[in-house]
C-alpha atoms as a PDB file:
ATOM      1  CA  MET A   1      -5.878 -16.664  40.321  1.00  0.00           C
ATOM      2  CA  LYS A   2      -7.946 -14.562  42.673  1.00  0.00           C
ATOM      3  CA  LYS A   3      -7.504 -17.250  45.263  1.00  0.00           C
ATOM      4  CA  ILE A   4      -3.789 -16.511  45.673  1.00  0.00           C
ATOM      5  CA  VAL A   5      -3.947 -12.705  45.595  1.00  0.00           C
ATOM      6  CA  ALA A   6      -3.822 -12.655  49.395  1.00  0.00           C
ATOM      7  CA  ALA A   7      -0.625 -14.699  49.450  1.00  0.00           C
ATOM      8  CA  VAL A   8       1.117 -12.555  46.824  1.00  0.00           C
ATOM      9  CA  ILE A   9       0.301  -9.306  48.643  1.00  0.00           C
ATOM     10  CA  ALA A  10       1.351 -10.758  51.975  1.00  0.00           C
ATOM     11  CA  ILE A  11       4.670 -12.152  50.716  1.00  0.00           C
ATOM     12  CA  ILE A  12       5.525  -8.749  49.213  1.00  0.00           C
ATOM     13  CA  PHE A  13       4.624  -7.214  52.554  1.00  0.00           C
ATOM     14  CA  LEU A  14       6.867  -9.719  54.354  1.00  0.00           C
ATOM     15  CA  SER A  15       9.790  -8.845  52.081  1.00  0.00           C
ATOM     16  CA  SER A  16       9.358  -5.149  52.761  1.00  0.00           C
ATOM     17  CA  ILE A  17       9.176  -5.708  56.520  1.00  0.00           C
ATOM     18  CA  LEU A  18      12.360  -7.755  56.595  1.00  0.00           C
ATOM     19  CA  GLY A  19      14.051  -5.276  54.272  1.00  0.00           C
ATOM     20  CA  LEU A  20      15.563  -8.049  52.181  1.00  0.00           C
ATOM     21  CA  GLY A  21      18.140  -6.825  49.725  1.00  0.00           C
ATOM     22  CA  THR A  22      18.155  -3.335  51.297  1.00  0.00           C
ATOM     23  CA  GLY A  23      19.637  -1.666  54.327  1.00  0.00           C
ATOM     24  CA  ALA A  24      16.330  -1.678  56.191  1.00  0.00           C
ATOM     25  CA  GLY A  25      16.552  -2.947  59.698  1.00  0.00           C
ATOM     26  CA  GLU A  26      20.357  -2.858  59.714  1.00  0.00           C
ATOM     27  CA  LYS A  27      20.496   0.119  62.033  1.00  0.00           C
ATOM     28  CA  ASN A  28      18.117  -1.461  64.500  1.00  0.00           C
ATOM     29  CA  THR A  29      19.984  -4.760  64.376  1.00  0.00           C
ATOM     30  CA  THR A  30      23.362  -3.086  64.907  1.00  0.00           C
ATOM     31  CA  SER A  31      22.112  -1.029  67.815  1.00  0.00           C
ATOM     32  CA  SER A  32      20.526  -4.135  69.261  1.00  0.00           C
ATOM     33  CA  LEU A  33      23.803  -6.032  69.075  1.00  0.00           C
ATOM     34  CA  GLN A  34      25.675  -3.126  70.669  1.00  0.00           C
ATOM     35  CA  GLU A  35      23.047  -2.932  73.369  1.00  0.00           C
ATOM     36  CA  ASN A  36      23.381  -6.645  74.061  1.00  0.00           C
ATOM     37  CA  SER A  37      27.166  -6.486  74.267  1.00  0.00           C
ATOM     38  CA  SER A  38      27.008  -3.775  76.902  1.00  0.00           C
ATOM     39  CA  GLN A  39      24.708  -5.707  79.192  1.00  0.00           C
ATOM     40  CA  LYS A  40      25.740  -8.055  81.972  1.00  0.00           C
ATOM     41  CA  LYS A  41      25.144 -11.759  82.398  1.00  0.00           C
ATOM     42  CA  LEU A  42      21.703 -13.117  83.206  1.00  0.00           C
ATOM     43  CA  GLU A  43      20.680 -15.827  85.649  1.00  0.00           C
ATOM     44  CA  LEU A  44      18.061 -18.112  84.108  1.00  0.00           C
ATOM     45  CA  PRO A  45      16.357 -21.230  85.531  1.00  0.00           C
ATOM     46  CA  PHE A  46      17.873 -24.513  84.249  1.00  0.00           C
ATOM     47  CA  PHE A  47      20.527 -22.579  82.282  1.00  0.00           C
ATOM     48  CA  GLY A  48      22.310 -20.856  85.162  1.00  0.00           C
ATOM     49  CA  GLN A  49      24.389 -17.766  84.422  1.00  0.00           C
ATOM     50  CA  ILE A  50      24.615 -17.024  80.704  1.00  0.00           C
ATOM     51  CA  GLU A  51      25.979 -14.282  78.520  1.00  0.00           C
ATOM     52  CA  THR A  52      23.316 -11.836  77.365  1.00  0.00           C
ATOM     53  CA  GLU A  53      24.216 -12.572  73.747  1.00  0.00           C
ATOM     54  CA  ASN A  54      22.918 -16.125  74.266  1.00  0.00           C
ATOM     55  CA  THR A  55      19.407 -14.903  75.135  1.00  0.00           C
ATOM     56  CA  SER A  56      18.678 -14.681  71.407  1.00  0.00           C
ATOM     57  CA  ILE A  57      19.263 -18.426  70.889  1.00  0.00           C
ATOM     58  CA  ILE A  58      17.057 -19.208  73.901  1.00  0.00           C
ATOM     59  CA  ALA A  59      14.292 -17.022  72.458  1.00  0.00           C
ATOM     60  CA  LEU A  60      14.790 -18.604  69.040  1.00  0.00           C
ATOM     61  CA  THR A  61      14.577 -22.070  70.599  1.00  0.00           C
ATOM     62  CA  ALA A  62      11.360 -21.195  72.409  1.00  0.00           C
ATOM     63  CA  LEU A  63       9.691 -19.599  69.387  1.00  0.00           C
ATOM     64  CA  ILE A  64      10.628 -22.267  66.817  1.00  0.00           C
ATOM     65  CA  SER A  65       9.750 -25.162  69.120  1.00  0.00           C
ATOM     66  CA  PHE A  66       6.390 -23.608  69.985  1.00  0.00           C
ATOM     67  CA  VAL A  67       5.419 -23.220  66.328  1.00  0.00           C
ATOM     68  CA  ASP A  68       6.939 -26.598  65.430  1.00  0.00           C
ATOM     69  CA  GLY A  69       4.804 -28.207  68.129  1.00  0.00           C
ATOM     70  CA  PHE A  70       1.625 -27.373  66.220  1.00  0.00           C
ATOM     71  CA  ASN A  71       2.228 -30.295  63.904  1.00  0.00           C
ATOM     72  CA  PRO A  72      -0.978 -31.262  62.028  1.00  0.00           C
ATOM     73  CA  CYS A  73       0.285 -34.793  61.374  1.00  0.00           C
ATOM     74  CA  SER A  74       1.087 -35.629  64.999  1.00  0.00           C
ATOM     75  CA  LEU A  75      -2.058 -33.929  66.317  1.00  0.00           C
ATOM     76  CA  TRP A  76      -4.212 -35.946  63.915  1.00  0.00           C
ATOM     77  CA  VAL A  77      -2.696 -39.244  65.091  1.00  0.00           C
ATOM     78  CA  LEU A  78      -2.875 -38.291  68.775  1.00  0.00           C
ATOM     79  CA  THR A  79      -6.522 -37.184  68.696  1.00  0.00           C
ATOM     80  CA  PHE A  80      -7.509 -40.231  66.638  1.00  0.00           C
ATOM     81  CA  LEU A  81      -5.680 -42.599  68.991  1.00  0.00           C
ATOM     82  CA  LEU A  82      -7.146 -41.097  72.181  1.00  0.00           C
ATOM     83  CA  GLY A  83     -10.564 -40.949  70.539  1.00  0.00           C
ATOM     84  CA  LEU A  84     -10.405 -44.731  70.167  1.00  0.00           C
ATOM     85  CA  VAL A  85      -9.103 -45.381  73.675  1.00  0.00           C
ATOM     86  CA  ILE A  86     -11.769 -43.344  75.509  1.00  0.00           C
ATOM     87  CA  HIS A  87     -14.384 -45.849  74.320  1.00  0.00           C
ATOM     88  CA  SER A  88     -12.906 -48.246  76.869  1.00  0.00           C
ATOM     89  CA  GLY A  89     -14.208 -45.919  79.577  1.00  0.00           C
ATOM     90  CA  SER A  90     -10.909 -46.207  81.435  1.00  0.00           C
ATOM     91  CA  ARG A  91      -9.159 -42.938  82.241  1.00  0.00           C
ATOM     92  CA  LYS A  92      -6.124 -44.944  83.391  1.00  0.00           C
ATOM     93  CA  LYS A  93      -5.805 -46.720  80.038  1.00  0.00           C
ATOM     94  CA  THR A  94      -6.339 -43.460  78.125  1.00  0.00           C
ATOM     95  CA  ALA A  95      -3.625 -41.727  80.161  1.00  0.00           C
ATOM     96  CA  ALA A  96      -1.184 -44.624  79.810  1.00  0.00           C
ATOM     97  CA  VAL A  97      -1.640 -44.866  76.037  1.00  0.00           C
ATOM     98  CA  GLY A  98      -1.376 -41.101  75.560  1.00  0.00           C
ATOM     99  CA  LEU A  99       1.770 -40.789  77.677  1.00  0.00           C
ATOM    100  CA  THR A 100       3.392 -43.726  75.894  1.00  0.00           C
ATOM    101  CA  PHE A 101       2.674 -42.179  72.503  1.00  0.00           C
ATOM    102  CA  LEU A 102       4.011 -38.771  73.556  1.00  0.00           C
ATOM    103  CA  ALA A 103       7.114 -40.249  75.202  1.00  0.00           C
ATOM    104  CA  VAL A 104       8.124 -42.350  72.187  1.00  0.00           C
ATOM    105  CA  THR A 105       7.433 -39.638  69.593  1.00  0.00           C
ATOM    106  CA  SER A 106       9.277 -36.991  71.624  1.00  0.00           C
ATOM    107  CA  ILE A 107      12.317 -39.260  72.122  1.00  0.00           C
ATOM    108  CA  GLY A 108      12.391 -40.120  68.423  1.00  0.00           C
ATOM    109  CA  TYR A 109      11.950 -36.512  67.337  1.00  0.00           C
ATOM    110  CA  GLY A 110      14.516 -35.297  69.877  1.00  0.00           C
ATOM    111  CA  ALA A 111      17.027 -37.830  68.558  1.00  0.00           C
ATOM    112  CA  PHE A 112      16.362 -36.559  65.029  1.00  0.00           C
ATOM    113  CA  VAL A 113      17.034 -32.936  66.025  1.00  0.00           C
ATOM    114  CA  TYR A 114      20.123 -33.925  68.034  1.00  0.00           C
ATOM    115  CA  GLY A 115      21.449 -35.853  65.048  1.00  0.00           C
ATOM    116  CA  LEU A 116      20.976 -32.828  62.793  1.00  0.00           C
ATOM    117  CA  VAL A 117      22.855 -30.618  65.252  1.00  0.00           C
ATOM    118  CA  ASN A 118      25.778 -33.067  65.262  1.00  0.00           C
ATOM    119  CA  VAL A 119      25.871 -33.204  61.477  1.00  0.00           C
ATOM    120  CA  PHE A 120      25.705 -29.423  61.081  1.00  0.00           C
ATOM    121  CA  SER A 121      28.397 -28.921  63.704  1.00  0.00           C
ATOM    122  CA  TYR A 122      30.850 -30.250  61.094  1.00  0.00           C
ATOM    123  CA  ILE A 123      29.501 -28.584  57.960  1.00  0.00           C
ATOM    124  CA  SER A 124      27.540 -25.471  58.991  1.00  0.00           C
ATOM    125  CA  HIS A 125      30.557 -23.228  58.240  1.00  0.00           C
ATOM    126  CA  LEU A 126      30.246 -24.040  54.536  1.00  0.00           C
ATOM    127  CA  THR A 127      28.472 -21.280  52.613  1.00  0.00           C
ATOM    128  CA  TRP A 128      26.610 -23.663  50.332  1.00  0.00           C
ATOM    129  CA  ILE A 129      25.146 -25.435  53.369  1.00  0.00           C
ATOM    130  CA  LYS A 130      23.612 -22.176  54.592  1.00  0.00           C
ATOM    131  CA  VAL A 131      22.184 -21.544  51.126  1.00  0.00           C
ATOM    132  CA  ALA A 132      20.859 -25.109  50.877  1.00  0.00           C
ATOM    133  CA  VAL A 133      19.151 -24.912  54.284  1.00  0.00           C
ATOM    134  CA  ALA A 134      17.594 -21.564  53.372  1.00  0.00           C
ATOM    135  CA  LEU A 135      16.293 -23.001  50.090  1.00  0.00           C
ATOM    136  CA  VAL A 136      14.822 -26.011  51.906  1.00  0.00           C
ATOM    137  CA  ALA A 137      13.105 -23.609  54.302  1.00  0.00           C
ATOM    138  CA  PHE A 138      11.674 -21.697  51.327  1.00  0.00           C
ATOM    139  CA  VAL A 139      10.370 -24.912  49.751  1.00  0.00           C
ATOM    140  CA  PHE A 140       8.814 -26.217  52.983  1.00  0.00           C
ATOM    141  CA  GLY A 141       7.326 -22.815  53.733  1.00  0.00           C
ATOM    142  CA  ALA A 142       5.927 -22.317  50.234  1.00  0.00           C
ATOM    143  CA  VAL A 143       4.339 -25.790  50.199  1.00  0.00           C
ATOM    144  CA  ASN A 144       2.772 -25.208  53.618  1.00  0.00           C
ATOM    145  CA  ILE A 145       1.384 -21.833  52.509  1.00  0.00           C
ATOM    146  CA  LYS A 146       0.056 -23.555  49.380  1.00  0.00           C
ATOM    147  CA  ASP A 147      -1.733 -26.062  51.619  1.00  0.00           C
ATOM    148  CA  PHE A 148      -3.683 -23.228  53.202  1.00  0.00           C
ATOM    149  CA  PHE A 149      -5.289 -22.586  49.810  1.00  0.00           C
ATOM    150  CA  TYR A 150      -5.158 -26.071  48.279  1.00  0.00           C
ATOM    151  CA  PHE A 151      -4.885 -28.504  51.173  1.00  0.00           C
ATOM    152  CA  GLY A 152      -3.368 -31.834  50.196  1.00  0.00           C
ATOM    153  CA  GLU A 153      -3.274 -31.030  46.468  1.00  0.00           C
ATOM    154  CA  GLY A 154      -0.068 -31.572  44.528  1.00  0.00           C
ATOM    155  CA  ILE A 155       3.090 -31.627  46.651  1.00  0.00           C
ATOM    156  CA  SER A 156       2.071 -31.639  50.295  1.00  0.00           C
ATOM    157  CA  PHE A 157       4.070 -32.320  53.460  1.00  0.00           C
ATOM    158  CA  THR A 158       1.383 -34.293  55.260  1.00  0.00           C
ATOM    159  CA  ILE A 159       0.806 -37.930  56.115  1.00  0.00           C
ATOM    160  CA  PRO A 160      -0.049 -39.441  52.712  1.00  0.00           C
ATOM    161  CA  ASP A 161      -3.690 -40.486  52.401  1.00  0.00           C
ATOM    162  CA  ARG A 162      -2.594 -43.996  51.430  1.00  0.00           C
ATOM    163  CA  PHE A 163      -1.035 -44.422  54.884  1.00  0.00           C
ATOM    164  CA  LYS A 164      -3.968 -43.112  56.928  1.00  0.00           C
ATOM    165  CA  PRO A 165      -6.259 -46.170  56.609  1.00  0.00           C
ATOM    166  CA  LYS A 166      -3.350 -48.440  57.589  1.00  0.00           C
ATOM    167  CA  ILE A 167      -2.490 -46.223  60.572  1.00  0.00           C
ATOM    168  CA  ALA A 168      -6.138 -46.122  61.657  1.00  0.00           C
ATOM    169  CA  GLU A 169      -6.413 -49.892  61.354  1.00  0.00           C
ATOM    170  CA  LYS A 170      -3.235 -50.475  63.378  1.00  0.00           C
ATOM    171  CA  LEU A 171      -4.360 -48.043  66.061  1.00  0.00           C
ATOM    172  CA  SER A 172      -7.775 -49.687  66.285  1.00  0.00           C
ATOM    173  CA  ASP A 173      -6.256 -53.158  66.608  1.00  0.00           C
ATOM    174  CA  THR A 174      -3.849 -51.911  69.282  1.00  0.00           C
ATOM    175  CA  VAL A 175      -6.411 -50.299  71.585  1.00  0.00           C
ATOM    176  CA  ARG A 176      -8.695 -53.353  71.377  1.00  0.00           C
ATOM    177  CA  LYS A 177      -6.121 -55.576  73.058  1.00  0.00           C
ATOM    178  CA  ASP A 178      -7.263 -56.878  76.453  1.00  0.00           C
ATOM    179  CA  SER A 179      -3.857 -56.555  78.064  1.00  0.00           C
ATOM    180  CA  LEU A 180      -2.753 -53.027  78.957  1.00  0.00           C
ATOM    181  CA  ILE A 181       0.895 -54.041  78.570  1.00  0.00           C
ATOM    182  CA  ALA A 182       0.226 -55.358  75.068  1.00  0.00           C
ATOM    183  CA  THR A 183      -1.617 -52.136  74.216  1.00  0.00           C
ATOM    184  CA  LEU A 184       1.266 -49.981  75.431  1.00  0.00           C
ATOM    185  CA  ILE A 185       3.842 -52.049  73.532  1.00  0.00           C
ATOM    186  CA  GLY A 186       1.742 -51.782  70.391  1.00  0.00           C
ATOM    187  CA  THR A 187       1.340 -48.018  70.935  1.00  0.00           C
ATOM    188  CA  ALA A 188       5.110 -47.609  71.331  1.00  0.00           C
ATOM    189  CA  ILE A 189       5.806 -49.517  68.106  1.00  0.00           C
ATOM    190  CA  ILE A 190       3.230 -47.502  66.164  1.00  0.00           C
ATOM    191  CA  ALA A 191       4.540 -44.230  67.649  1.00  0.00           C
ATOM    192  CA  ALA A 192       8.066 -45.095  66.502  1.00  0.00           C
ATOM    193  CA  GLY A 193       6.752 -45.661  62.992  1.00  0.00           C
ATOM    194  CA  ILE A 194       4.756 -42.434  63.105  1.00  0.00           C
ATOM    195  CA  VAL A 195       7.948 -40.478  63.813  1.00  0.00           C
ATOM    196  CA  LEU A 196       9.316 -41.617  60.436  1.00  0.00           C
ATOM    197  CA  VAL A 197       6.060 -41.134  58.523  1.00  0.00           C
ATOM    198  CA  GLU A 198       5.439 -37.619  59.860  1.00  0.00           C
ATOM    199  CA  LEU A 199       8.985 -36.258  59.352  1.00  0.00           C
ATOM    200  CA  PRO A 200       8.041 -34.593  56.037  1.00  0.00           C
ATOM    201  CA  CYS A 201       5.367 -32.679  57.993  1.00  0.00           C
ATOM    202  CA  THR A 202       7.833 -30.970  60.251  1.00  0.00           C
ATOM    203  CA  ALA A 203      11.431 -31.486  59.124  1.00  0.00           C
ATOM    204  CA  GLY A 204      11.799 -27.883  57.962  1.00  0.00           C
ATOM    205  CA  PHE A 205      11.941 -26.283  61.414  1.00  0.00           C
ATOM    206  CA  PRO A 206      14.491 -28.711  62.938  1.00  0.00           C
ATOM    207  CA  LEU A 207      16.659 -28.324  59.837  1.00  0.00           C
ATOM    208  CA  VAL A 208      16.792 -24.526  60.101  1.00  0.00           C
ATOM    209  CA  TYR A 209      17.122 -24.549  63.893  1.00  0.00           C
ATOM    210  CA  SER A 210      19.885 -27.164  63.941  1.00  0.00           C
ATOM    211  CA  ASN A 211      21.889 -25.229  61.370  1.00  0.00           C
ATOM    212  CA  ILE A 212      21.600 -22.000  63.382  1.00  0.00           C
ATOM    213  CA  LEU A 213      22.455 -23.771  66.639  1.00  0.00           C
ATOM    214  CA  ALA A 214      25.505 -25.477  65.166  1.00  0.00           C
ATOM    215  CA  SER A 215      26.753 -22.261  63.561  1.00  0.00           C
ATOM    216  CA  ARG A 216      26.826 -20.522  66.954  1.00  0.00           C
ATOM    217  CA  GLY A 217      29.548 -22.847  68.251  1.00  0.00           C
ATOM    218  CA  ILE A 218      27.629 -23.474  71.491  1.00  0.00           C
ATOM    219  CA  GLY A 219      29.079 -25.880  74.059  1.00  0.00           C
ATOM    220  CA  ALA A 220      27.690 -29.400  74.427  1.00  0.00           C
ATOM    221  CA  SER A 221      26.023 -28.864  77.823  1.00  0.00           C
ATOM    222  CA  PHE A 222      24.297 -25.653  76.748  1.00  0.00           C
ATOM    223  CA  ALA A 223      23.210 -27.274  73.470  1.00  0.00           C
ATOM    224  CA  LEU A 224      21.669 -30.199  75.368  1.00  0.00           C
ATOM    225  CA  ALA A 225      19.846 -27.762  77.663  1.00  0.00           C
ATOM    226  CA  LEU A 226      18.496 -25.962  74.600  1.00  0.00           C
ATOM    227  CA  LEU A 227      17.403 -29.265  73.057  1.00  0.00           C
ATOM    228  CA  GLY A 228      15.609 -30.138  76.294  1.00  0.00           C
ATOM    229  CA  LEU A 229      13.860 -26.766  76.224  1.00  0.00           C
ATOM    230  CA  TYR A 230      12.956 -27.324  72.567  1.00  0.00           C
ATOM    231  CA  MET A 231      11.302 -30.676  73.260  1.00  0.00           C
ATOM    232  CA  LEU A 232       9.515 -29.405  76.371  1.00  0.00           C
ATOM    233  CA  ILE A 233       7.907 -26.523  74.514  1.00  0.00           C
ATOM    234  CA  TYR A 234       7.349 -28.691  71.429  1.00  0.00           C
ATOM    235  CA  LEU A 235       5.168 -31.002  73.533  1.00  0.00           C
ATOM    236  CA  LEU A 236       3.059 -28.276  75.172  1.00  0.00           C
ATOM    237  CA  ASP A 237       0.212 -28.289  72.650  1.00  0.00           C
ATOM    238  CA  GLU A 238       0.046 -32.079  72.499  1.00  0.00           C
ATOM    239  CA  LEU A 239       0.120 -32.254  76.290  1.00  0.00           C
ATOM    240  CA  ALA A 240      -2.767 -29.776  76.379  1.00  0.00           C
ATOM    241  CA  VAL A 241      -4.770 -31.965  73.971  1.00  0.00           C
ATOM    242  CA  PHE A 242      -3.844 -35.097  75.928  1.00  0.00           C
ATOM    243  CA  LEU A 243      -4.802 -33.605  79.310  1.00  0.00           C
ATOM    244  CA  GLY A 244      -8.045 -32.192  77.931  1.00  0.00           C
ATOM    245  CA  ILE A 245      -9.176 -35.520  76.461  1.00  0.00           C
ATOM    246  CA  THR A 246      -8.034 -37.510  79.509  1.00  0.00           C
ATOM    247  CA  TRP A 247      -9.819 -35.156  81.898  1.00  0.00           C
ATOM    248  CA  THR A 248     -13.121 -34.897  80.000  1.00  0.00           C
ATOM    249  CA  MET A 249     -13.041 -38.373  78.390  1.00  0.00           C
ATOM    250  CA  GLU A 250     -14.642 -36.762  75.352  1.00  0.00           C
ATOM    251  CA  LYS A 251     -13.572 -37.307  71.771  1.00  0.00           C
ATOM    252  CA  THR A 252     -11.881 -34.413  69.968  1.00  0.00           C
ATOM    253  CA  ARG A 253     -11.265 -34.386  66.240  1.00  0.00           C
ATOM    254  CA  PHE A 254      -8.467 -32.500  64.532  1.00  0.00           C
ATOM    255  CA  GLU A 255     -10.081 -31.178  61.351  1.00  0.00           C
ATOM    256  CA  GLU A 256      -8.680 -29.998  58.040  1.00  0.00           C
ATOM    257  CA  LYS A 257      -9.531 -26.350  58.719  1.00  0.00           C
ATOM    258  CA  HIS A 258      -7.314 -26.431  61.806  1.00  0.00           C
ATOM    259  CA  GLY A 259      -4.464 -27.930  59.812  1.00  0.00           C
ATOM    260  CA  ARG A 260      -4.786 -25.298  57.079  1.00  0.00           C
ATOM    261  CA  TYR A 261      -4.302 -22.390  59.470  1.00  0.00           C
ATOM    262  CA  LEU A 262      -1.440 -24.123  61.275  1.00  0.00           C
ATOM    263  CA  LYS A 263       0.271 -24.722  57.953  1.00  0.00           C
ATOM    264  CA  LEU A 264      -0.205 -21.091  56.977  1.00  0.00           C
ATOM    265  CA  LEU A 265       1.407 -19.873  60.199  1.00  0.00           C
ATOM    266  CA  GLY A 266       4.230 -22.413  60.086  1.00  0.00           C
ATOM    267  CA  GLY A 267       4.879 -21.858  56.398  1.00  0.00           C
ATOM    268  CA  THR A 268       5.073 -18.082  56.703  1.00  0.00           C
ATOM    269  CA  ILE A 269       7.477 -18.315  59.641  1.00  0.00           C
ATOM    270  CA  MET A 270       9.598 -20.828  57.749  1.00  0.00           C
ATOM    271  CA  VAL A 271       9.857 -18.500  54.743  1.00  0.00           C
ATOM    272  CA  ALA A 272      10.831 -15.642  57.069  1.00  0.00           C
ATOM    273  CA  LEU A 273      13.506 -17.782  58.748  1.00  0.00           C
ATOM    274  CA  GLY A 274      14.880 -18.876  55.388  1.00  0.00           C
ATOM    275  CA  ALA A 275      15.006 -15.268  54.195  1.00  0.00           C
ATOM    276  CA  ALA A 276      16.737 -14.084  57.348  1.00  0.00           C
ATOM    277  CA  LEU A 277      19.199 -16.986  57.225  1.00  0.00           C
ATOM    278  CA  LEU A 278      20.107 -16.248  53.621  1.00  0.00           C
ATOM    279  CA  TRP A 279      20.121 -12.429  53.491  1.00  0.00           C
ATOM    280  CA  LYS A 280      20.248 -11.115  57.050  1.00  0.00           C
ATOM    281  CA  PRO A 281      21.608 -13.783  59.429  1.00  0.00           C
ATOM    282  CA  GLU A 282      22.558 -11.044  61.897  1.00  0.00           C
ATOM    283  CA  LEU A 283      18.855 -10.637  62.676  1.00  0.00           C
ATOM    284  CA  MET A 284      18.911 -14.004  64.431  1.00  0.00           C
ATOM    285  CA  GLU A 285      21.880 -12.998  66.587  1.00  0.00           C
ATOM    286  CA  SER A 286      19.902 -10.624  68.785  1.00  0.00           C
ATOM    287  CA  LEU A 287      16.745 -11.000  70.842  1.00  0.00           C
ATOM    288  CA  ARG A 288      15.177  -7.996  69.145  1.00  0.00           C
ATOM    289  CA  GLY A 289      15.968  -9.319  65.678  1.00  0.00           C
ATOM    290  CA  THR A 290      14.578 -12.772  66.499  1.00  0.00           C
ATOM    291  CA  VAL A 291      11.302 -11.320  67.765  1.00  0.00           C
ATOM    292  CA  TYR A 292      11.247  -9.019  64.740  1.00  0.00           C
ATOM    293  CA  VAL A 293      11.427 -11.928  62.284  1.00  0.00           C
ATOM    294  CA  PHE A 294       8.767 -13.993  64.058  1.00  0.00           C
ATOM    295  CA  GLY A 295       6.499 -11.007  64.685  1.00  0.00           C
ATOM    296  CA  SER A 296       6.664  -9.998  61.020  1.00  0.00           C
ATOM    297  CA  ALA A 297       5.791 -13.521  59.899  1.00  0.00           C
ATOM    298  CA  ILE A 298       2.850 -13.736  62.318  1.00  0.00           C
ATOM    299  CA  ILE A 299       1.506 -10.400  61.053  1.00  0.00           C
ATOM    300  CA  VAL A 300       1.841 -11.578  57.461  1.00  0.00           C
ATOM    301  CA  SER A 301       0.094 -14.908  58.124  1.00  0.00           C
ATOM    302  CA  GLY A 302      -2.745 -12.999  59.774  1.00  0.00           C
ATOM    303  CA  LEU A 303      -2.909 -10.709  56.742  1.00  0.00           C
ATOM    304  CA  ILE A 304      -3.095 -13.682  54.374  1.00  0.00           C
ATOM    305  CA  ALA A 305      -5.916 -15.256  56.401  1.00  0.00           C
ATOM    306  CA  TYR A 306      -7.791 -11.947  56.598  1.00  0.00           C
ATOM    307  CA  LEU A 307      -7.541 -11.231  52.850  1.00  0.00           C
ATOM    308  CA  TYR A 308      -8.451 -14.795  51.997  1.00  0.00           C
ATOM    309  CA  ARG A 309     -11.594 -14.681  54.131  1.00  0.00           C
ATOM    310  CA  LYS A 310     -12.530 -11.345  52.553  1.00  0.00           C
ATOM    311  CA  ILE A 311     -12.163 -12.816  49.058  1.00  0.00           C
ATOM    312  CA  GLU A 312     -14.182 -15.897  50.056  1.00  0.00           C
ATOM    313  CA  LYS A 313     -17.035 -13.773  51.399  1.00  0.00           C
ATOM    314  CA  ARG A 314     -17.181 -11.822  48.153  1.00  0.00           C
ATOM    315  CA  GLY A 315     -17.360 -15.056  46.185  1.00  0.00           C
ATOM    316  CA  GLY A 316     -13.988 -14.469  44.600  1.00  0.00           C
ATOM    317  CA  THR A 317     -12.632 -17.992  45.196  1.00  0.00           C
ATOM    318  CA  GLU A 318     -12.523 -20.453  42.392  1.00  0.00           C
END
């Protein structure tokens, strides 16, 4: 039981910060909304002139996509794949394989998010849908936080261990092909399959984001621009890994300890988003409220990690 004391304290702290079930934060949110309504339009790159009230959805898009991009499942596959390719000694082949993998997975994932937005555009006005999405966010978040303490035990939204040997074998066979074209085709096919296998790892964020986006009644062109921004930021961390490996031609391994901390951060943010969506949706309608929710969750995840390390050092873990 001592092992989860940090999580209990932190979740209570998160609830108090968000002021769930109370009037806390309402004054700040109201003043923020009034402040936004009094401001003029903004000129932003790629988006053109937009109403100030839309800056909150842009910030929300940037923040969710950035956190969503730190996907342990996808990072494991990418680092494993590039680790195999660099043995060929060809930077060209490594770059081609990496770009093919990223292109196919991003297209598949983008299509998934776009499909969710279209579905929610018809049903997001239903109260039970909002409640259902919030509950899904709670479940995904709680399981991810659990994985920080008990990684892979019980219910876990990761690539199942039974699939990993098969994925590794397929990747190994693919990169050994003499023809670069054959290797790229094989990489594309595997990447398409990976999109389906890894959806449980990351479906929570797109689900919450798509519901919020659809509920705003945003026009098609602006929604597509937001989706493009989402995928661009989503790919940043994987692009950084790809460029680093391609440049140095040195193998990098994504380890369990990295995945645990990413799951803690993502899980805490997902719980915060679910709570805000269910009890205080107005928080997500202003830039200040959006930053408030994410900032609170980041502080709480840091608190969990800090308390957990303290307990570990004192030999309190079981």
